[in-house]
PDB file of N, CA and C in Angstrom:
ATOM      1  N   UNK A   1      22.238  -8.481  27.280  1.00  0.00           N
ATOM      2  CA  UNK A   1      20.870  -8.958  27.316  1.00  0.00           C
ATOM      3  C   UNK A   1      20.850 -10.366  26.708  1.00  0.00           C
ATOM      4  N   UNK A   2      20.101 -11.281  27.311  1.00  0.00           N
ATOM      5  CA  UNK A   2      20.088 -12.646  26.799  1.00  0.00           C
ATOM      6  C   UNK A   2      19.161 -12.797  25.593  1.00  0.00           C
ATOM      7  N   UNK A   3      19.311 -13.917  24.923  1.00  0.00           N
ATOM      8  CA  UNK A   3      18.580 -14.187  23.676  1.00  0.00           C
ATOM      9  C   UNK A   3      17.064 -14.074  23.848  1.00  0.00           C
ATOM     10  N   UNK A   4      16.532 -14.643  24.916  1.00  0.00           N
ATOM     11  CA  UNK A   4      15.088 -14.610  25.141  1.00  0.00           C
ATOM     12  C   UNK A   4      14.593 -13.184  25.373  1.00  0.00           C
ATOM     13  N   UNK A   5      15.357 -12.405  26.111  1.00  0.00           N
ATOM     14  CA  UNK A   5      14.980 -11.015  26.352  1.00  0.00           C
ATOM     15  C   UNK A   5      14.968 -10.227  25.039  1.00  0.00           C
ATOM     16  N   UNK A   6      15.956 -10.470  24.186  1.00  0.00           N
ATOM     17  CA  UNK A   6      16.006  -9.783  22.896  1.00  0.00           C
ATOM     18  C   UNK A   6      14.800 -10.156  22.038  1.00  0.00           C
ATOM     19  N   UNK A   7      14.404 -11.413  22.067  1.00  0.00           N
ATOM     20  CA  UNK A   7      13.256 -11.863  21.268  1.00  0.00           C
ATOM     21  C   UNK A   7      11.968 -11.166  21.677  1.00  0.00           C
ATOM     22  N   UNK A   8      11.886 -10.729  22.933  1.00  0.00           N
ATOM     23  CA  UNK A   8      10.675 -10.096  23.439  1.00  0.00           C
ATOM     24  C   UNK A   8      10.606  -8.592  23.181  1.00  0.00           C
ATOM     25  N   UNK A   9      11.670  -8.017  22.652  1.00  0.00           N
ATOM     26  CA  UNK A   9      11.697  -6.578  22.354  1.00  0.00           C
ATOM     27  C   UNK A   9      10.809  -6.297  21.147  1.00  0.00           C
ATOM     28  N   UNK A  10      10.023  -5.257  21.258  1.00  0.00           N
ATOM     29  CA  UNK A  10       9.164  -4.803  20.152  1.00  0.00           C
ATOM     30  C   UNK A  10       9.774  -3.532  19.562  1.00  0.00           C
ATOM     31  N   UNK A  11      10.537  -3.669  18.480  1.00  0.00           N
ATOM     32  CA  UNK A  11      11.188  -2.482  17.909  1.00  0.00           C
ATOM     33  C   UNK A  11      10.177  -1.513  17.294  1.00  0.00           C
ATOM     34  N   UNK A  12      10.510  -0.244  17.367  1.00  0.00           N
ATOM     35  CA  UNK A  12       9.691   0.798  16.758  1.00  0.00           C
ATOM     36  C   UNK A  12       9.964   0.850  15.261  1.00  0.00           C
ATOM     37  N   UNK A  13      11.212   0.553  14.890  1.00  0.00           N
ATOM     38  CA  UNK A  13      11.618   0.620  13.488  1.00  0.00           C
ATOM     39  C   UNK A  13      12.515  -0.571  13.168  1.00  0.00           C
ATOM     40  N   UNK A  14      12.400  -1.079  11.932  1.00  0.00           N
ATOM     41  CA  UNK A  14      13.235  -2.180  11.451  1.00  0.00           C
ATOM     42  C   UNK A  14      13.871  -1.738  10.136  1.00  0.00           C
ATOM     43  N   UNK A  15      15.194  -1.938  10.036  1.00  0.00           N
ATOM     44  CA  UNK A  15      15.858  -1.706   8.749  1.00  0.00           C
ATOM     45  C   UNK A  15      16.488  -3.021   8.298  1.00  0.00           C
ATOM     46  N   UNK A  16      16.353  -3.309   7.025  1.00  0.00           N
ATOM     47  CA  UNK A  16      16.870  -4.547   6.450  1.00  0.00           C
ATOM     48  C   UNK A  16      18.042  -4.200   5.539  1.00  0.00           C
ATOM     49  N   UNK A  17      19.253  -4.509   6.003  1.00  0.00           N
ATOM     50  CA  UNK A  17      20.456  -4.227   5.217  1.00  0.00           C
ATOM     51  C   UNK A  17      21.150  -5.528   4.800  1.00  0.00           C
ATOM     52  N   UNK A  18      20.370  -6.608   4.758  1.00  0.00           N
ATOM     53  CA  UNK A  18      20.944  -7.876   4.297  1.00  0.00           C
ATOM     54  C   UNK A  18      21.407  -7.714   2.857  1.00  0.00           C
ATOM     55  N   UNK A  19      22.578  -8.255   2.571  1.00  0.00           N
ATOM     56  CA  UNK A  19      23.165  -8.130   1.241  1.00  0.00           C
ATOM     57  C   UNK A  19      24.045  -6.904   1.081  1.00  0.00           C
ATOM     58  N   UNK A  20      24.011  -6.008   2.040  1.00  0.00           N
ATOM     59  CA  UNK A  20      24.840  -4.793   2.004  1.00  0.00           C
ATOM     60  C   UNK A  20      26.108  -5.021   2.813  1.00  0.00           C
ATOM     61  N   UNK A  21      27.203  -4.448   2.346  1.00  0.00           N
ATOM     62  CA  UNK A  21      28.486  -4.565   3.034  1.00  0.00           C
ATOM     63  C   UNK A  21      28.907  -3.215   3.589  1.00  0.00           C
ATOM     64  N   UNK A  22      29.886  -3.250   4.470  1.00  0.00           N
ATOM     65  CA  UNK A  22      30.445  -2.066   5.090  1.00  0.00           C
ATOM     66  C   UNK A  22      30.779  -1.029   4.026  1.00  0.00           C
ATOM     67  N   UNK A  23      30.399   0.190   4.228  1.00  0.00           N
ATOM     68  CA  UNK A  23      29.864   0.844   5.416  1.00  0.00           C
ATOM     69  C   UNK A  23      28.342   1.006   5.413  1.00  0.00           C
ATOM     70  N   UNK A  24      27.645   0.432   4.435  1.00  0.00           N
ATOM     71  CA  UNK A  24      26.207   0.675   4.283  1.00  0.00           C
ATOM     72  C   UNK A  24      25.386   0.338   5.536  1.00  0.00           C
ATOM     73  N   UNK A  25      25.569  -0.841   6.161  1.00  0.00           N
ATOM     74  CA  UNK A  25      24.762  -1.124   7.353  1.00  0.00           C
ATOM     75  C   UNK A  25      24.927  -0.080   8.465  1.00  0.00           C
ATOM     76  N   UNK A  26      26.148   0.378   8.665  1.00  0.00           N
ATOM     77  CA  UNK A  26      26.408   1.369   9.709  1.00  0.00           C
ATOM     78  C   UNK A  26      25.805   2.723   9.340  1.00  0.00           C
ATOM     79  N   UNK A  27      25.927   3.121   8.095  1.00  0.00           N
ATOM     80  CA  UNK A  27      25.364   4.400   7.652  1.00  0.00           C
ATOM     81  C   UNK A  27      23.847   4.408   7.762  1.00  0.00           C
ATOM     82  N   UNK A  28      23.215   3.333   7.341  1.00  0.00           N
ATOM     83  CA  UNK A  28      21.745   3.247   7.426  1.00  0.00           C
ATOM     84  C   UNK A  28      21.284   3.194   8.880  1.00  0.00           C
ATOM     85  N   UNK A  29      22.064   2.520   9.730  1.00  0.00           N
ATOM     86  CA  UNK A  29      21.739   2.471  11.163  1.00  0.00           C
ATOM     87  C   UNK A  29      21.825   3.865  11.762  1.00  0.00           C
ATOM     88  N   UNK A  30      22.880   4.574  11.461  1.00  0.00           N
ATOM     89  CA  UNK A  30      23.072   5.934  11.970  1.00  0.00           C
ATOM     90  C   UNK A  30      21.917   6.835  11.546  1.00  0.00           C
ATOM     91  N   UNK A  31      21.545   6.761  10.299  1.00  0.00           N
ATOM     92  CA  UNK A  31      20.445   7.567   9.774  1.00  0.00           C
ATOM     93  C   UNK A  31      19.138   7.242  10.500  1.00  0.00           C
ATOM     94  N   UNK A  32      18.869   5.969  10.692  1.00  0.00           N
ATOM     95  CA  UNK A  32      17.631   5.561  11.380  1.00  0.00           C
ATOM     96  C   UNK A  32      17.621   6.045  12.828  1.00  0.00           C
ATOM     97  N   UNK A  33      18.736   5.885  13.533  1.00  0.00           N
ATOM     98  CA  UNK A  33      18.812   6.304  14.932  1.00  0.00           C
ATOM     99  C   UNK A  33      18.588   7.803  15.078  1.00  0.00           C
ATOM    100  N   UNK A  34      19.094   8.573  14.130  1.00  0.00           N
ATOM    101  CA  UNK A  34      18.947  10.030  14.174  1.00  0.00           C
ATOM    102  C   UNK A  34      17.492  10.474  14.018  1.00  0.00           C
ATOM    103  N   UNK A  35      16.649   9.602  13.481  1.00  0.00           N
ATOM    104  CA  UNK A  35      15.249   9.936  13.258  1.00  0.00           C
ATOM    105  C   UNK A  35      14.317   9.259  14.259  1.00  0.00           C
ATOM    106  N   UNK A  36      14.878   8.798  15.369  1.00  0.00           N
ATOM    107  CA  UNK A  36      14.088   8.124  16.397  1.00  0.00           C
ATOM    108  C   UNK A  36      14.148   8.886  17.709  1.00  0.00           C
ATOM    109  N   UNK A  37      13.214   8.575  18.599  1.00  0.00           N
ATOM    110  CA  UNK A  37      13.118   9.256  19.894  1.00  0.00           C
ATOM    111  C   UNK A  37      13.766   8.415  20.994  1.00  0.00           C
ATOM    112  N   UNK A  38      14.229   9.061  22.052  1.00  0.00           N
ATOM    113  CA  UNK A  38      14.796   8.329  23.188  1.00  0.00           C
ATOM    114  C   UNK A  38      13.809   7.280  23.718  1.00  0.00           C
ATOM    115  N   UNK A  39      14.353   6.107  24.010  1.00  0.00           N
ATOM    116  CA  UNK A  39      13.550   5.000  24.509  1.00  0.00           C
ATOM    117  C   UNK A  39      13.071   4.057  23.429  1.00  0.00           C
ATOM    118  N   UNK A  40      13.130   4.495  22.171  1.00  0.00           N
ATOM    119  CA  UNK A  40      12.699   3.625  21.066  1.00  0.00           C
ATOM    120  C   UNK A  40      13.822   2.658  20.696  1.00  0.00           C
ATOM    121  N   UNK A  41      13.428   1.502  20.172  1.00  0.00           N
ATOM    122  CA  UNK A  41      14.386   0.475  19.793  1.00  0.00           C
ATOM    123  C   UNK A  41      14.377   0.262  18.285  1.00  0.00           C
ATOM    124  N   UNK A  42      15.577   0.166  17.736  1.00  0.00           N
ATOM    125  CA  UNK A  42      15.789  -0.113  16.318  1.00  0.00           C
ATOM    126  C   UNK A  42      16.254  -1.554  16.172  1.00  0.00           C
ATOM    127  N   UNK A  43      15.670  -2.264  15.211  1.00  0.00           N
ATOM    128  CA  UNK A  43      16.110  -3.617  14.860  1.00  0.00           C
ATOM    129  C   UNK A  43      16.764  -3.551  13.492  1.00  0.00           C
ATOM    130  N   UNK A  44      18.002  -4.026  13.412  1.00  0.00           N
ATOM    131  CA  UNK A  44      18.747  -4.056  12.158  1.00  0.00           C
ATOM    132  C   UNK A  44      18.898  -5.510  11.739  1.00  0.00           C
ATOM    133  N   UNK A  45      18.489  -5.828  10.509  1.00  0.00           N
ATOM    134  CA  UNK A  45      18.668  -7.158   9.950  1.00  0.00           C
ATOM    135  C   UNK A  45      19.875  -7.104   9.025  1.00  0.00           C
ATOM    136  N   UNK A  46      20.894  -7.913   9.304  1.00  0.00           N
ATOM    137  CA  UNK A  46      22.123  -7.880   8.505  1.00  0.00           C
ATOM    138  C   UNK A  46      22.728  -9.276   8.390  1.00  0.00           C
ATOM    139  N   UNK A  47      23.419  -9.493   7.296  1.00  0.00           N
ATOM    140  CA  UNK A  47      24.168 -10.741   7.138  1.00  0.00           C
ATOM    141  C   UNK A  47      25.671 -10.455   7.015  1.00  0.00           C
ATOM    142  N   UNK A  48      26.057  -9.237   7.326  1.00  0.00           N
ATOM    143  CA  UNK A  48      27.461  -8.817   7.279  1.00  0.00           C
ATOM    144  C   UNK A  48      28.071  -8.951   8.676  1.00  0.00           C
ATOM    145  N   UNK A  49      29.006  -9.890   8.823  1.00  0.00           N
ATOM    146  CA  UNK A  49      29.639 -10.133  10.124  1.00  0.00           C
ATOM    147  C   UNK A  49      30.271  -8.858  10.696  1.00  0.00           C
ATOM    148  N   UNK A  50      30.895  -8.071   9.846  1.00  0.00           N
ATOM    149  CA  UNK A  50      31.572  -6.855  10.298  1.00  0.00           C
ATOM    150  C   UNK A  50      30.583  -5.839  10.859  1.00  0.00           C
ATOM    151  N   UNK A  51      29.349  -5.890  10.411  1.00  0.00           N
ATOM    152  CA  UNK A  51      28.346  -4.927  10.874  1.00  0.00           C
ATOM    153  C   UNK A  51      28.070  -5.063  12.369  1.00  0.00           C
ATOM    154  N   UNK A  52      28.221  -6.251  12.919  1.00  0.00           N
ATOM    155  CA  UNK A  52      27.972  -6.440  14.350  1.00  0.00           C
ATOM    156  C   UNK A  52      28.883  -5.546  15.179  1.00  0.00           C
ATOM    157  N   UNK A  53      30.158  -5.581  14.902  1.00  0.00           N
ATOM    158  CA  UNK A  53      31.127  -4.751  15.632  1.00  0.00           C
ATOM    159  C   UNK A  53      30.925  -3.273  15.309  1.00  0.00           C
ATOM    160  N   UNK A  54      30.674  -2.982  14.032  1.00  0.00           N
ATOM    161  CA  UNK A  54      30.501  -1.587  13.613  1.00  0.00           C
ATOM    162  C   UNK A  54      29.278  -0.946  14.264  1.00  0.00           C
ATOM    163  N   UNK A  55      28.173  -1.674  14.331  1.00  0.00           N
ATOM    164  CA  UNK A  55      26.952  -1.128  14.916  1.00  0.00           C
ATOM    165  C   UNK A  55      27.102  -0.969  16.425  1.00  0.00           C
ATOM    166  N   UNK A  56      27.758  -1.927  17.053  1.00  0.00           N
ATOM    167  CA  UNK A  56      28.026  -1.824  18.491  1.00  0.00           C
ATOM    168  C   UNK A  56      28.866  -0.581  18.781  1.00  0.00           C
ATOM    169  N   UNK A  57      29.907  -0.372  17.998  1.00  0.00           N
ATOM    170  CA  UNK A  57      30.777   0.806  18.166  1.00  0.00           C
ATOM    171  C   UNK A  57      30.015   2.100  17.908  1.00  0.00           C
ATOM    172  N   UNK A  58      29.184   2.097  16.878  1.00  0.00           N
ATOM    173  CA  UNK A  58      28.378   3.277  16.557  1.00  0.00           C
ATOM    174  C   UNK A  58      27.472   3.634  17.728  1.00  0.00           C
ATOM    175  N   UNK A  59      26.811   2.642  18.295  1.00  0.00           N
ATOM    176  CA  UNK A  59      25.902   2.894  19.420  1.00  0.00           C
ATOM    177  C   UNK A  59      26.651   3.535  20.580  1.00  0.00           C
ATOM    178  N   UNK A  60      27.791   2.995  20.930  1.00  0.00           N
ATOM    179  CA  UNK A  60      28.581   3.542  22.043  1.00  0.00           C
ATOM    180  C   UNK A  60      29.059   4.957  21.738  1.00  0.00           C
ATOM    181  N   UNK A  61      29.529   5.164  20.523  1.00  0.00           N
ATOM    182  CA  UNK A  61      30.076   6.462  20.115  1.00  0.00           C
ATOM    183  C   UNK A  61      29.003   7.548  20.113  1.00  0.00           C
ATOM    184  N   UNK A  62      27.755   7.182  19.840  1.00  0.00           N
ATOM    185  CA  UNK A  62      26.679   8.168  19.725  1.00  0.00           C
ATOM    186  C   UNK A  62      25.819   8.259  20.989  1.00  0.00           C
ATOM    187  N   UNK A  63      26.202   7.517  22.029  1.00  0.00           N
ATOM    188  CA  UNK A  63      25.469   7.586  23.292  1.00  0.00           C
ATOM    189  C   UNK A  63      24.212   6.746  23.335  1.00  0.00           C
ATOM    190  N   UNK A  64      24.033   5.874  22.358  1.00  0.00           N
ATOM    191  CA  UNK A  64      22.895   4.962  22.342  1.00  0.00           C
ATOM    192  C   UNK A  64      23.296   3.645  22.995  1.00  0.00           C
ATOM    193  N   UNK A  65      22.347   2.744  23.189  1.00  0.00           N
ATOM    194  CA  UNK A  65      22.636   1.497  23.884  1.00  0.00           C
ATOM    195  C   UNK A  65      22.518   0.305  22.940  1.00  0.00           C
ATOM    196  N   UNK A  66      23.638  -0.391  22.756  1.00  0.00           N
ATOM    197  CA  UNK A  66      23.652  -1.640  21.996  1.00  0.00           C
ATOM    198  C   UNK A  66      23.086  -2.719  22.913  1.00  0.00           C
ATOM    199  N   UNK A  67      21.950  -3.283  22.543  1.00  0.00           N
ATOM    200  CA  UNK A  67      21.292  -4.276  23.385  1.00  0.00           C
ATOM    201  C   UNK A  67      21.791  -5.689  23.129  1.00  0.00           C
ATOM    202  N   UNK A  68      22.272  -5.951  21.895  1.00  0.00           N
ATOM    203  CA  UNK A  68      22.787  -7.276  21.568  1.00  0.00           C
ATOM    204  C   UNK A  68      22.272  -7.741  20.219  1.00  0.00           C
ATOM    205  N   UNK A  69      22.603  -8.996  19.901  1.00  0.00           N
ATOM    206  CA  UNK A  69      22.183  -9.567  18.620  1.00  0.00           C
ATOM    207  C   UNK A  69      21.885 -11.048  18.782  1.00  0.00           C
ATOM    208  N   UNK A  70      21.071 -11.552  17.866  1.00  0.00           N
ATOM    209  CA  UNK A  70      20.772 -12.977  17.796  1.00  0.00           C
ATOM    210  C   UNK A  70      20.890 -13.409  16.343  1.00  0.00           C
ATOM    211  N   UNK A  71      21.245 -14.668  16.144  1.00  0.00           N
ATOM    212  CA  UNK A  71      21.330 -15.231  14.803  1.00  0.00           C
ATOM    213  C   UNK A  71      19.989 -15.869  14.465  1.00  0.00           C
ATOM    214  N   UNK A  72      19.527 -15.639  13.239  1.00  0.00           N
ATOM    215  CA  UNK A  72      18.241 -16.182  12.821  1.00  0.00           C
ATOM    216  C   UNK A  72      18.296 -16.564  11.345  1.00  0.00           C
ATOM    217  N   UNK A  73      18.411 -17.851  11.063  1.00  0.00           N
ATOM    218  CA  UNK A  73      18.352 -18.368   9.690  1.00  0.00           C
ATOM    219  C   UNK A  73      19.357 -17.712   8.749  1.00  0.00           C
ATOM    220  N   UNK A  74      20.602 -17.603   9.184  1.00  0.00           N
ATOM    221  CA  UNK A  74      21.652 -17.099   8.317  1.00  0.00           C
ATOM    222  C   UNK A  74      21.878 -15.604   8.342  1.00  0.00           C
ATOM    223  N   UNK A  75      21.193 -14.903   9.219  1.00  0.00           N
ATOM    224  CA  UNK A  75      21.432 -13.470   9.350  1.00  0.00           C
ATOM    225  C   UNK A  75      21.325 -13.089  10.824  1.00  0.00           C
ATOM    226  N   UNK A  76      21.695 -11.855  11.104  1.00  0.00           N
ATOM    227  CA  UNK A  76      21.675 -11.354  12.479  1.00  0.00           C
ATOM    228  C   UNK A  76      20.531 -10.367  12.667  1.00  0.00           C
ATOM    229  N   UNK A  77      19.960 -10.398  13.866  1.00  0.00           N
ATOM    230  CA  UNK A  77      19.032  -9.377  14.309  1.00  0.00           C
ATOM    231  C   UNK A  77      19.763  -8.593  15.385  1.00  0.00           C
ATOM    232  N   UNK A  78      19.998  -7.321  15.113  1.00  0.00           N
ATOM    233  CA  UNK A  78      20.778  -6.470  15.999  1.00  0.00           C
ATOM    234  C   UNK A  78      19.844  -5.405  16.578  1.00  0.00           C
ATOM    235  N   UNK A  79      19.909  -5.231  17.899  1.00  0.00           N
ATOM    236  CA  UNK A  79      19.010  -4.315  18.605  1.00  0.00           C
ATOM    237  C   UNK A  79      19.787  -3.158  19.221  1.00  0.00           C
ATOM    238  N   UNK A  80      19.298  -1.937  18.964  1.00  0.00           N
ATOM    239  CA  UNK A  80      19.898  -0.729  19.538  1.00  0.00           C
ATOM    240  C   UNK A  80      18.775   0.143  20.082  1.00  0.00           C
ATOM    241  N   UNK A  81      18.961   0.608  21.308  1.00  0.00           N
ATOM    242  CA  UNK A  81      17.991   1.512  21.940  1.00  0.00           C
ATOM    243  C   UNK A  81      18.511   2.940  21.867  1.00  0.00           C
ATOM    244  N   UNK A  82      17.642   3.845  21.460  1.00  0.00           N
ATOM    245  CA  UNK A  82      18.000   5.254  21.378  1.00  0.00           C
ATOM    246  C   UNK A  82      17.999   5.838  22.781  1.00  0.00           C
ATOM    247  N   UNK A  83      19.034   6.603  23.090  1.00  0.00           N
ATOM    248  CA  UNK A  83      19.158   7.262  24.417  1.00  0.00           C
ATOM    249  C   UNK A  83      19.036   8.754  24.283  1.00  0.00           C
TER     250      UNK A  83
END
């Protein structure tokens, strides 16, 4: 998904894990996804580079859809859709 498309997504839930390092961003993402309904989108705010790969892998492993990420003022906005 391109940057503009990601900017237009209205997430149902946002978790802020900035300042947290592996494995915290992935664990908090997993917990949030487990409490959401199919079709809902989760936005994860993180400044941990490793979290990008970890969250993408988590989404694939759990059958959810990794939509992509954008950089915003020194941190990442990562989008995952619950399937």
